[in-house]
Amino acid sequence: MPTTRTGPHPVAVGAVLLLAAMIAAALWNSDASGTGARNVGSTEAAPAPIAAPPGATCAPTVTNPGGRNNYDDDAPLDVPLGRGLVITGIVRDTACRPLPGVPVQVWLQTALGSERENRTTVLTGPDGRYRVDTDPAVAQFGEPNVHVAHDVSGPWRAVFQRHVVDSEDTLAVVDLTLVPSS
């Protein structure tokens, strides 16, 4: 008569231990701010924009992993998102010229709303700057983060950014350099 096993199979135990070791190694070696993200937060005032010298070029902004996560192409225009954190930046072309009137969408998780609910689209001003006042970001899946994107059909190619902030930050600066869509 075959014996009845009363504990877990040794192969199953080995597989679980190997999986746990692989996850631990991945976490140990990963960036604290996730794939493609950088910390853009601060508790200090935004730096004054620096004018580019004539003939300068600005490197195009590249979409980073996770930047498109929870994007909604129908985000409302100029919706107030609260107070406590300012998300700002300058939108330029590759010749470092500011781009006025460009739609920029911002979304983030706050204590009062999820990334799917807490979003707005704003237009850049004459100096290419945008600004969104919002409640502070809170951790979602490990770290507070902000998303900034441009994805409106027109002369500029879409770009999606996801960057982290600290929960006590009052400022997040995300500049975008757009390239022509054609």
N, C-alpha and C. Protein backbone atom coordinates (compact mmCIF):
# COMPACT_ATOMS: atom_id res chain seq x y z
N MET A 1 0.84 -1.17 0.00
CA MET A 1 0.00 0.00 0.00
C MET A 1 0.89 1.24 0.00
N PRO A 2 0.59 2.25 -0.86
CA PRO A 2 1.43 3.45 -0.90
C PRO A 2 1.29 4.25 0.39
N THR A 3 2.38 4.95 0.72
CA THR A 3 2.36 5.78 1.93
C THR A 3 1.63 7.08 1.64
N THR A 4 0.97 7.61 2.65
CA THR A 4 0.26 8.88 2.53
C THR A 4 1.15 9.98 3.07
N ARG A 5 1.35 11.00 2.25
CA ARG A 5 2.20 12.12 2.65
C ARG A 5 1.41 13.03 3.59
N THR A 6 2.03 13.40 4.69
CA THR A 6 1.36 14.27 5.66
C THR A 6 1.89 15.69 5.62
N GLY A 7 2.92 15.95 4.89
CA GLY A 7 3.50 17.29 4.79
C GLY A 7 3.61 17.70 3.33
N PRO A 8 4.10 18.90 3.10
CA PRO A 8 4.26 19.34 1.71
C PRO A 8 5.35 18.55 1.00
N HIS A 9 5.17 18.42 -0.28
CA HIS A 9 6.15 17.69 -1.11
C HIS A 9 7.47 18.46 -1.11
N PRO A 10 8.59 17.77 -0.97
CA PRO A 10 9.89 18.46 -0.94
C PRO A 10 10.16 19.30 -2.19
N VAL A 11 9.69 18.87 -3.34
CA VAL A 11 9.89 19.66 -4.57
C VAL A 11 9.10 20.96 -4.49
N ALA A 12 7.89 20.91 -3.95
CA ALA A 12 7.09 22.13 -3.80
C ALA A 12 7.75 23.09 -2.83
N VAL A 13 8.29 22.59 -1.73
CA VAL A 13 8.99 23.43 -0.76
C VAL A 13 10.19 24.09 -1.42
N GLY A 14 10.95 23.32 -2.19
CA GLY A 14 12.11 23.86 -2.89
C GLY A 14 11.74 24.94 -3.89
N ALA A 15 10.63 24.72 -4.62
CA ALA A 15 10.18 25.70 -5.61
C ALA A 15 9.76 27.01 -4.93
N VAL A 16 9.05 26.92 -3.82
CA VAL A 16 8.63 28.12 -3.09
C VAL A 16 9.84 28.87 -2.55
N LEU A 17 10.81 28.15 -2.00
CA LEU A 17 12.02 28.80 -1.49
C LEU A 17 12.81 29.47 -2.61
N LEU A 18 12.91 28.81 -3.76
CA LEU A 18 13.61 29.40 -4.91
C LEU A 18 12.89 30.66 -5.38
N LEU A 19 11.57 30.62 -5.47
CA LEU A 19 10.79 31.80 -5.88
C LEU A 19 10.99 32.95 -4.89
N ALA A 20 10.95 32.65 -3.60
CA ALA A 20 11.15 33.69 -2.58
C ALA A 20 12.54 34.30 -2.70
N ALA A 21 13.54 33.48 -2.96
CA ALA A 21 14.91 33.98 -3.11
C ALA A 21 15.03 34.86 -4.36
N MET A 22 14.36 34.48 -5.43
CA MET A 22 14.42 35.29 -6.66
C MET A 22 13.73 36.64 -6.44
N ILE A 23 12.61 36.66 -5.77
CA ILE A 23 11.92 37.92 -5.49
C ILE A 23 12.77 38.80 -4.59
N ALA A 24 13.36 38.22 -3.56
CA ALA A 24 14.23 38.99 -2.66
C ALA A 24 15.42 39.57 -3.42
N ALA A 25 16.03 38.80 -4.31
CA ALA A 25 17.17 39.30 -5.09
C ALA A 25 16.74 40.43 -6.02
N ALA A 26 15.56 40.30 -6.64
CA ALA A 26 15.08 41.36 -7.53
C ALA A 26 14.82 42.63 -6.75
N LEU A 27 14.21 42.52 -5.59
CA LEU A 27 13.95 43.71 -4.77
C LEU A 27 15.25 44.33 -4.27
N TRP A 28 16.19 43.53 -3.89
CA TRP A 28 17.48 44.01 -3.39
C TRP A 28 18.22 44.81 -4.45
N ASN A 29 18.12 44.37 -5.71
CA ASN A 29 18.86 44.99 -6.81
C ASN A 29 18.07 46.04 -7.58
N SER A 30 16.80 46.27 -7.23
CA SER A 30 15.99 47.20 -8.00
C SER A 30 16.20 48.63 -7.53
N ASP A 31 15.83 49.57 -8.42
CA ASP A 31 15.87 50.98 -8.06
C ASP A 31 14.79 51.26 -7.04
N ALA A 32 15.08 52.13 -6.11
CA ALA A 32 14.08 52.50 -5.11
C ALA A 32 12.89 53.18 -5.75
N SER A 33 13.09 53.84 -6.89
CA SER A 33 12.00 54.58 -7.51
C SER A 33 11.35 53.85 -8.67
N GLY A 34 11.55 52.58 -8.80
CA GLY A 34 10.87 51.83 -9.84
C GLY A 34 11.52 52.01 -11.20
N THR A 35 11.06 51.22 -12.13
CA THR A 35 11.63 51.20 -13.46
C THR A 35 11.42 52.52 -14.19
N GLY A 36 12.49 53.14 -14.58
CA GLY A 36 12.41 54.36 -15.38
C GLY A 36 12.00 55.61 -14.63
N ALA A 37 11.71 55.49 -13.36
CA ALA A 37 11.24 56.65 -12.59
C ALA A 37 12.42 57.29 -11.86
N ARG A 38 12.30 58.57 -11.65
CA ARG A 38 13.28 59.27 -10.82
C ARG A 38 12.52 60.13 -9.83
N ASN A 39 13.17 60.51 -8.76
CA ASN A 39 12.51 61.33 -7.75
C ASN A 39 12.55 62.78 -8.22
N VAL A 40 11.38 63.38 -8.42
CA VAL A 40 11.28 64.75 -8.91
C VAL A 40 10.74 65.70 -7.86
N GLY A 41 10.59 65.19 -6.63
CA GLY A 41 9.99 65.99 -5.58
C GLY A 41 10.99 66.83 -4.83
N SER A 42 10.46 67.85 -4.14
CA SER A 42 11.27 68.77 -3.36
C SER A 42 10.36 69.47 -2.35
N THR A 43 10.98 70.04 -1.35
CA THR A 43 10.25 70.89 -0.42
C THR A 43 10.67 72.34 -0.60
N GLU A 44 11.44 72.62 -1.64
CA GLU A 44 11.93 73.98 -1.92
C GLU A 44 11.17 74.57 -3.10
N ALA A 45 11.33 75.87 -3.31
CA ALA A 45 10.67 76.57 -4.42
C ALA A 45 11.25 76.09 -5.75
N ALA A 46 10.43 76.19 -6.78
CA ALA A 46 10.86 75.80 -8.12
C ALA A 46 11.99 76.71 -8.59
N PRO A 47 13.01 76.14 -9.22
CA PRO A 47 14.08 76.98 -9.75
C PRO A 47 13.59 77.83 -10.91
N ALA A 48 14.19 78.99 -11.06
CA ALA A 48 13.85 79.86 -12.19
C ALA A 48 14.29 79.18 -13.48
N PRO A 49 13.48 79.28 -14.54
CA PRO A 49 13.89 78.66 -15.79
C PRO A 49 15.14 79.33 -16.35
N ILE A 50 15.97 78.50 -16.92
CA ILE A 50 17.21 79.00 -17.52
C ILE A 50 17.00 79.08 -19.02
N ALA A 51 17.25 80.25 -19.59
CA ALA A 51 17.11 80.43 -21.03
C ALA A 51 18.24 79.69 -21.74
N ALA A 52 17.88 78.98 -22.78
CA ALA A 52 18.89 78.25 -23.54
C ALA A 52 19.64 79.21 -24.45
N PRO A 53 20.94 79.01 -24.60
CA PRO A 53 21.69 79.86 -25.52
C PRO A 53 21.25 79.61 -26.96
N PRO A 54 21.41 80.60 -27.83
CA PRO A 54 21.03 80.42 -29.23
C PRO A 54 21.73 79.20 -29.83
N GLY A 55 20.96 78.44 -30.58
CA GLY A 55 21.51 77.25 -31.24
C GLY A 55 21.56 76.02 -30.35
N ALA A 56 21.11 76.13 -29.11
CA ALA A 56 21.13 74.98 -28.20
C ALA A 56 20.10 73.95 -28.63
N THR A 57 20.31 72.73 -28.22
CA THR A 57 19.32 71.68 -28.44
C THR A 57 19.01 71.01 -27.12
N CYS A 58 17.78 70.59 -26.99
CA CYS A 58 17.32 69.88 -25.79
C CYS A 58 17.02 68.44 -26.19
N ALA A 59 17.44 67.50 -25.38
CA ALA A 59 17.18 66.09 -25.66
C ALA A 59 15.69 65.80 -25.51
N PRO A 60 15.12 65.05 -26.45
CA PRO A 60 13.69 64.74 -26.36
C PRO A 60 13.39 63.91 -25.11
N THR A 61 12.22 64.14 -24.53
CA THR A 61 11.76 63.34 -23.40
C THR A 61 11.30 61.99 -23.95
N VAL A 62 11.73 60.94 -23.31
CA VAL A 62 11.38 59.59 -23.70
C VAL A 62 10.34 59.05 -22.73
N THR A 63 9.32 58.42 -23.25
CA THR A 63 8.31 57.80 -22.38
C THR A 63 9.00 56.76 -21.51
N ASN A 64 8.69 56.77 -20.22
CA ASN A 64 9.29 55.78 -19.34
C ASN A 64 8.28 54.71 -18.96
N PRO A 65 8.76 53.53 -18.56
CA PRO A 65 7.84 52.45 -18.18
C PRO A 65 6.91 52.91 -17.06
N GLY A 66 5.67 52.60 -17.19
CA GLY A 66 4.67 52.97 -16.19
C GLY A 66 4.10 54.35 -16.40
N GLY A 67 4.65 55.13 -17.35
CA GLY A 67 4.16 56.48 -17.57
C GLY A 67 2.74 56.54 -18.07
N ARG A 68 2.34 55.56 -18.86
CA ARG A 68 1.00 55.56 -19.45
C ARG A 68 -0.04 54.94 -18.50
N ASN A 69 0.40 54.30 -17.44
CA ASN A 69 -0.49 53.61 -16.51
C ASN A 69 -1.63 54.53 -16.04
N ASN A 70 -2.85 54.09 -16.23
CA ASN A 70 -4.07 54.80 -15.84
C ASN A 70 -4.30 56.09 -16.63
N TYR A 71 -3.66 56.26 -17.78
CA TYR A 71 -3.89 57.43 -18.61
C TYR A 71 -5.34 57.42 -19.11
N ASP A 72 -5.95 58.60 -19.21
CA ASP A 72 -7.32 58.75 -19.70
C ASP A 72 -7.30 59.90 -20.71
N ASP A 73 -7.59 59.60 -21.96
CA ASP A 73 -7.51 60.65 -22.98
C ASP A 73 -8.63 61.68 -22.87
N ASP A 74 -9.56 61.48 -21.95
CA ASP A 74 -10.65 62.44 -21.76
C ASP A 74 -10.57 63.14 -20.41
N ALA A 75 -9.38 63.42 -19.93
CA ALA A 75 -9.24 64.09 -18.63
C ALA A 75 -9.84 65.49 -18.71
N PRO A 76 -10.54 65.90 -17.66
CA PRO A 76 -11.17 67.23 -17.67
C PRO A 76 -10.14 68.35 -17.67
N LEU A 77 -10.53 69.48 -18.23
CA LEU A 77 -9.65 70.64 -18.34
C LEU A 77 -9.73 71.49 -17.08
N ASP A 78 -8.57 71.82 -16.53
CA ASP A 78 -8.43 72.74 -15.39
C ASP A 78 -9.32 72.41 -14.19
N VAL A 79 -9.31 71.17 -13.77
CA VAL A 79 -10.07 70.76 -12.58
C VAL A 79 -9.18 70.96 -11.35
N PRO A 80 -9.67 71.63 -10.31
CA PRO A 80 -8.86 71.79 -9.09
C PRO A 80 -8.67 70.43 -8.42
N LEU A 81 -7.44 70.14 -8.01
CA LEU A 81 -7.13 68.86 -7.40
C LEU A 81 -6.73 68.98 -5.93
N GLY A 82 -6.78 70.17 -5.38
CA GLY A 82 -6.47 70.33 -3.97
C GLY A 82 -5.30 71.28 -3.74
N ARG A 83 -4.70 71.14 -2.53
CA ARG A 83 -3.58 72.00 -2.14
C ARG A 83 -2.55 71.19 -1.38
N GLY A 84 -1.32 71.64 -1.44
CA GLY A 84 -0.26 71.00 -0.69
C GLY A 84 0.89 70.53 -1.55
N LEU A 85 0.63 70.24 -2.83
CA LEU A 85 1.68 69.82 -3.76
C LEU A 85 1.47 70.56 -5.07
N VAL A 86 2.53 71.16 -5.59
CA VAL A 86 2.50 71.81 -6.90
C VAL A 86 3.31 70.95 -7.86
N ILE A 87 2.68 70.58 -8.98
CA ILE A 87 3.36 69.86 -10.05
C ILE A 87 3.51 70.86 -11.18
N THR A 88 4.74 71.09 -11.60
CA THR A 88 5.01 72.13 -12.60
C THR A 88 6.15 71.70 -13.51
N GLY A 89 6.32 72.41 -14.57
CA GLY A 89 7.42 72.16 -15.49
C GLY A 89 7.28 73.04 -16.71
N ILE A 90 8.25 72.92 -17.59
CA ILE A 90 8.26 73.67 -18.85
C ILE A 90 8.22 72.68 -19.99
N VAL A 91 7.41 72.95 -20.98
CA VAL A 91 7.33 72.13 -22.19
C VAL A 91 8.06 72.88 -23.29
N ARG A 92 9.04 72.20 -23.89
CA ARG A 92 9.88 72.82 -24.94
C ARG A 92 9.92 71.93 -26.16
N ASP A 93 10.46 72.49 -27.24
CA ASP A 93 10.79 71.68 -28.40
C ASP A 93 12.28 71.33 -28.32
N THR A 94 12.78 70.60 -29.29
CA THR A 94 14.18 70.17 -29.24
C THR A 94 15.17 71.30 -29.49
N ALA A 95 14.66 72.47 -29.90
CA ALA A 95 15.52 73.66 -30.02
C ALA A 95 15.47 74.47 -28.71
N CYS A 96 14.89 73.88 -27.67
CA CYS A 96 14.79 74.48 -26.32
C CYS A 96 13.86 75.68 -26.26
N ARG A 97 12.99 75.84 -27.27
CA ARG A 97 12.04 76.94 -27.26
C ARG A 97 10.80 76.51 -26.48
N PRO A 98 10.27 77.39 -25.60
CA PRO A 98 9.06 77.04 -24.87
C PRO A 98 7.88 76.92 -25.82
N LEU A 99 6.97 75.98 -25.52
CA LEU A 99 5.81 75.73 -26.36
C LEU A 99 4.53 76.17 -25.63
N PRO A 100 3.93 77.28 -26.05
CA PRO A 100 2.68 77.74 -25.42
C PRO A 100 1.48 76.95 -25.93
N GLY A 101 0.45 76.86 -25.09
CA GLY A 101 -0.82 76.26 -25.49
C GLY A 101 -0.81 74.75 -25.66
N VAL A 102 0.18 74.06 -25.11
CA VAL A 102 0.26 72.60 -25.24
C VAL A 102 -0.50 71.95 -24.08
N PRO A 103 -1.41 71.01 -24.37
CA PRO A 103 -2.12 70.32 -23.30
C PRO A 103 -1.19 69.34 -22.56
N VAL A 104 -1.22 69.39 -21.24
CA VAL A 104 -0.44 68.49 -20.39
C VAL A 104 -1.42 67.87 -19.39
N GLN A 105 -1.43 66.55 -19.32
CA GLN A 105 -2.29 65.86 -18.35
C GLN A 105 -1.45 65.43 -17.15
N VAL A 106 -2.01 65.63 -15.96
CA VAL A 106 -1.36 65.24 -14.71
C VAL A 106 -2.34 64.38 -13.93
N TRP A 107 -1.84 63.26 -13.37
CA TRP A 107 -2.67 62.43 -12.50
C TRP A 107 -1.81 61.78 -11.43
N LEU A 108 -2.44 61.52 -10.27
CA LEU A 108 -1.74 60.94 -9.14
C LEU A 108 -2.73 60.43 -8.11
N GLN A 109 -2.24 59.56 -7.25
CA GLN A 109 -3.02 59.04 -6.12
C GLN A 109 -2.85 60.00 -4.95
N THR A 110 -3.98 60.42 -4.37
CA THR A 110 -3.96 61.24 -3.15
C THR A 110 -4.83 60.55 -2.11
N ALA A 111 -4.86 61.09 -0.91
CA ALA A 111 -5.72 60.52 0.13
C ALA A 111 -7.19 60.64 -0.24
N LEU A 112 -7.52 61.57 -1.13
CA LEU A 112 -8.92 61.80 -1.49
C LEU A 112 -9.33 61.20 -2.83
N GLY A 113 -8.38 60.71 -3.61
CA GLY A 113 -8.75 60.18 -4.92
C GLY A 113 -7.68 59.29 -5.52
N SER A 114 -8.13 58.32 -6.30
CA SER A 114 -7.20 57.40 -6.97
C SER A 114 -6.66 58.04 -8.25
N GLU A 115 -5.67 57.39 -8.86
CA GLU A 115 -5.12 57.87 -10.14
C GLU A 115 -6.20 57.97 -11.21
N ARG A 116 -7.20 57.12 -11.14
CA ARG A 116 -8.26 57.13 -12.16
C ARG A 116 -9.21 58.31 -11.98
N GLU A 117 -9.29 58.84 -10.75
CA GLU A 117 -10.21 59.94 -10.46
C GLU A 117 -9.51 61.29 -10.36
N ASN A 118 -8.29 61.31 -9.90
CA ASN A 118 -7.59 62.54 -9.54
C ASN A 118 -6.68 62.97 -10.69
N ARG A 119 -7.25 63.68 -11.65
CA ARG A 119 -6.51 64.06 -12.85
C ARG A 119 -7.06 65.35 -13.43
N THR A 120 -6.21 66.01 -14.18
CA THR A 120 -6.64 67.20 -14.91
C THR A 120 -5.73 67.40 -16.11
N THR A 121 -6.23 68.15 -17.07
CA THR A 121 -5.41 68.59 -18.20
C THR A 121 -5.32 70.11 -18.11
N VAL A 122 -4.11 70.64 -18.28
CA VAL A 122 -3.89 72.08 -18.30
C VAL A 122 -3.15 72.44 -19.57
N LEU A 123 -3.23 73.71 -19.95
CA LEU A 123 -2.50 74.20 -21.12
C LEU A 123 -1.28 74.98 -20.65
N THR A 124 -0.18 74.85 -21.37
CA THR A 124 1.00 75.63 -21.03
C THR A 124 0.77 77.10 -21.33
N GLY A 125 1.43 77.95 -20.54
CA GLY A 125 1.33 79.40 -20.74
C GLY A 125 2.27 79.87 -21.84
N PRO A 126 2.38 81.19 -22.03
CA PRO A 126 3.23 81.76 -23.07
C PRO A 126 4.70 81.38 -22.91
N ASP A 127 5.10 81.07 -21.66
CA ASP A 127 6.49 80.69 -21.39
C ASP A 127 6.70 79.17 -21.41
N GLY A 128 5.66 78.43 -21.85
CA GLY A 128 5.75 76.98 -21.92
C GLY A 128 5.54 76.28 -20.59
N ARG A 129 5.28 77.05 -19.54
CA ARG A 129 5.14 76.46 -18.20
C ARG A 129 3.70 76.02 -17.94
N TYR A 130 3.58 74.89 -17.24
CA TYR A 130 2.28 74.43 -16.76
C TYR A 130 2.37 74.33 -15.24
N ARG A 131 1.21 74.31 -14.59
CA ARG A 131 1.16 74.20 -13.13
C ARG A 131 -0.15 73.54 -12.73
N VAL A 132 -0.04 72.57 -11.83
CA VAL A 132 -1.20 71.91 -11.26
C VAL A 132 -1.03 71.90 -9.75
N ASP A 133 -2.02 72.46 -9.05
CA ASP A 133 -2.05 72.40 -7.59
C ASP A 133 -2.90 71.19 -7.21
N THR A 134 -2.38 70.38 -6.30
CA THR A 134 -3.07 69.15 -5.92
C THR A 134 -2.82 68.83 -4.46
N ASP A 135 -3.63 67.93 -3.93
CA ASP A 135 -3.33 67.39 -2.61
C ASP A 135 -2.05 66.57 -2.73
N PRO A 136 -1.33 66.36 -1.63
CA PRO A 136 -0.09 65.59 -1.68
C PRO A 136 -0.31 64.16 -2.20
N ALA A 137 0.69 63.64 -2.86
CA ALA A 137 0.65 62.27 -3.35
C ALA A 137 0.81 61.31 -2.18
N VAL A 138 0.12 60.17 -2.28
CA VAL A 138 0.28 59.12 -1.28
C VAL A 138 0.75 57.86 -1.99
N ALA A 139 1.32 56.97 -1.20
CA ALA A 139 1.87 55.73 -1.76
C ALA A 139 0.79 54.88 -2.41
N GLN A 140 1.13 54.39 -3.57
CA GLN A 140 0.30 53.42 -4.27
C GLN A 140 1.25 52.34 -4.74
N PHE A 141 1.10 51.16 -4.23
CA PHE A 141 1.99 50.05 -4.56
C PHE A 141 3.44 50.38 -4.19
N GLY A 142 3.63 51.01 -3.05
CA GLY A 142 4.97 51.18 -2.51
C GLY A 142 5.54 52.57 -2.46
N GLU A 143 5.12 53.48 -3.34
CA GLU A 143 5.73 54.81 -3.34
C GLU A 143 4.79 55.84 -3.93
N PRO A 144 4.79 57.07 -3.39
CA PRO A 144 3.99 58.13 -4.01
C PRO A 144 4.58 58.46 -5.39
N ASN A 145 3.72 58.67 -6.37
CA ASN A 145 4.23 59.01 -7.70
C ASN A 145 3.27 59.95 -8.41
N VAL A 146 3.82 60.65 -9.40
CA VAL A 146 3.04 61.56 -10.24
C VAL A 146 3.24 61.16 -11.70
N HIS A 147 2.19 61.34 -12.47
CA HIS A 147 2.24 61.08 -13.91
C HIS A 147 2.03 62.40 -14.63
N VAL A 148 2.81 62.64 -15.67
CA VAL A 148 2.69 63.83 -16.51
C VAL A 148 2.78 63.36 -17.95
N ALA A 149 1.83 63.80 -18.79
CA ALA A 149 1.82 63.32 -20.16
C ALA A 149 1.34 64.40 -21.13
N HIS A 150 1.77 64.23 -22.38
CA HIS A 150 1.20 64.98 -23.50
C HIS A 150 0.81 63.92 -24.52
N ASP A 151 -0.49 63.85 -24.85
CA ASP A 151 -0.96 62.86 -25.81
C ASP A 151 -2.19 63.37 -26.53
N VAL A 152 -2.04 64.46 -27.21
CA VAL A 152 -3.14 65.02 -27.98
C VAL A 152 -2.67 65.06 -29.43
N SER A 153 -3.52 64.57 -30.33
CA SER A 153 -3.10 64.59 -31.73
C SER A 153 -2.80 66.02 -32.16
N GLY A 154 -1.79 66.16 -32.92
CA GLY A 154 -1.35 67.48 -33.35
C GLY A 154 0.10 67.45 -33.76
N PRO A 155 0.78 68.56 -33.62
CA PRO A 155 2.14 68.62 -34.14
C PRO A 155 3.19 67.92 -33.28
N TRP A 156 2.84 67.48 -32.05
CA TRP A 156 3.85 66.92 -31.15
C TRP A 156 3.56 65.46 -30.81
N ARG A 157 4.62 64.66 -30.78
CA ARG A 157 4.51 63.24 -30.44
C ARG A 157 4.16 63.08 -28.96
N ALA A 158 3.40 62.03 -28.66
CA ALA A 158 2.99 61.73 -27.28
C ALA A 158 4.19 61.34 -26.42
N VAL A 159 4.11 61.69 -25.15
CA VAL A 159 5.12 61.29 -24.18
C VAL A 159 4.43 61.09 -22.83
N PHE A 160 4.84 60.04 -22.10
CA PHE A 160 4.25 59.70 -20.81
C PHE A 160 5.36 59.55 -19.78
N GLN A 161 5.22 60.24 -18.67
CA GLN A 161 6.22 60.18 -17.61
C GLN A 161 5.58 59.74 -16.30
N ARG A 162 6.28 58.90 -15.54
CA ARG A 162 5.90 58.53 -14.19
C ARG A 162 7.13 58.72 -13.33
N HIS A 163 7.01 59.56 -12.32
CA HIS A 163 8.14 59.80 -11.42
C HIS A 163 7.66 59.78 -9.98
N VAL A 164 8.58 59.54 -9.08
CA VAL A 164 8.22 59.44 -7.67
C VAL A 164 8.49 60.74 -6.94
N VAL A 165 7.79 60.89 -5.83
CA VAL A 165 7.98 62.01 -4.90
C VAL A 165 7.97 61.40 -3.51
N ASP A 166 8.35 62.18 -2.54
CA ASP A 166 8.23 61.77 -1.14
C ASP A 166 6.94 62.35 -0.59
N SER A 167 6.36 61.69 0.39
CA SER A 167 5.05 62.11 0.89
C SER A 167 5.05 63.53 1.47
N GLU A 168 6.21 64.01 1.92
CA GLU A 168 6.26 65.37 2.48
C GLU A 168 6.62 66.44 1.44
N ASP A 169 6.85 66.05 0.20
CA ASP A 169 7.21 67.03 -0.84
C ASP A 169 6.06 68.00 -1.10
N THR A 170 6.42 69.24 -1.40
CA THR A 170 5.44 70.27 -1.74
C THR A 170 5.57 70.70 -3.21
N LEU A 171 6.56 70.15 -3.90
CA LEU A 171 6.84 70.53 -5.29
C LEU A 171 7.34 69.32 -6.06
N ALA A 172 6.88 69.18 -7.29
CA ALA A 172 7.40 68.19 -8.22
C ALA A 172 7.60 68.88 -9.56
N VAL A 173 8.80 68.81 -10.11
CA VAL A 173 9.12 69.47 -11.37
C VAL A 173 9.36 68.40 -12.44
N VAL A 174 8.52 68.43 -13.48
CA VAL A 174 8.65 67.50 -14.61
C VAL A 174 8.60 68.32 -15.89
N ASP A 175 9.76 68.51 -16.50
CA ASP A 175 9.86 69.22 -17.78
C ASP A 175 9.69 68.20 -18.91
N LEU A 176 9.15 68.66 -20.02
CA LEU A 176 8.98 67.81 -21.20
C LEU A 176 9.61 68.48 -22.41
N THR A 177 10.33 67.71 -23.19
CA THR A 177 10.84 68.20 -24.47
C THR A 177 10.19 67.33 -25.55
N LEU A 178 9.37 67.97 -26.37
CA LEU A 178 8.58 67.28 -27.37
C LEU A 178 9.25 67.32 -28.73
N VAL A 179 8.98 66.26 -29.51
CA VAL A 179 9.48 66.20 -30.89
C VAL A 179 8.27 66.22 -31.82
N PRO A 180 8.48 66.71 -33.04
CA PRO A 180 7.36 66.75 -34.00
C PRO A 180 6.81 65.34 -34.25
N SER A 181 5.49 65.27 -34.48
CA SER A 181 4.86 63.97 -34.68
C SER A 181 5.12 63.40 -36.07
N SER A 182 5.55 64.23 -37.01
CA SER A 182 5.80 63.70 -38.35
C SER A 182 7.27 63.51 -38.61
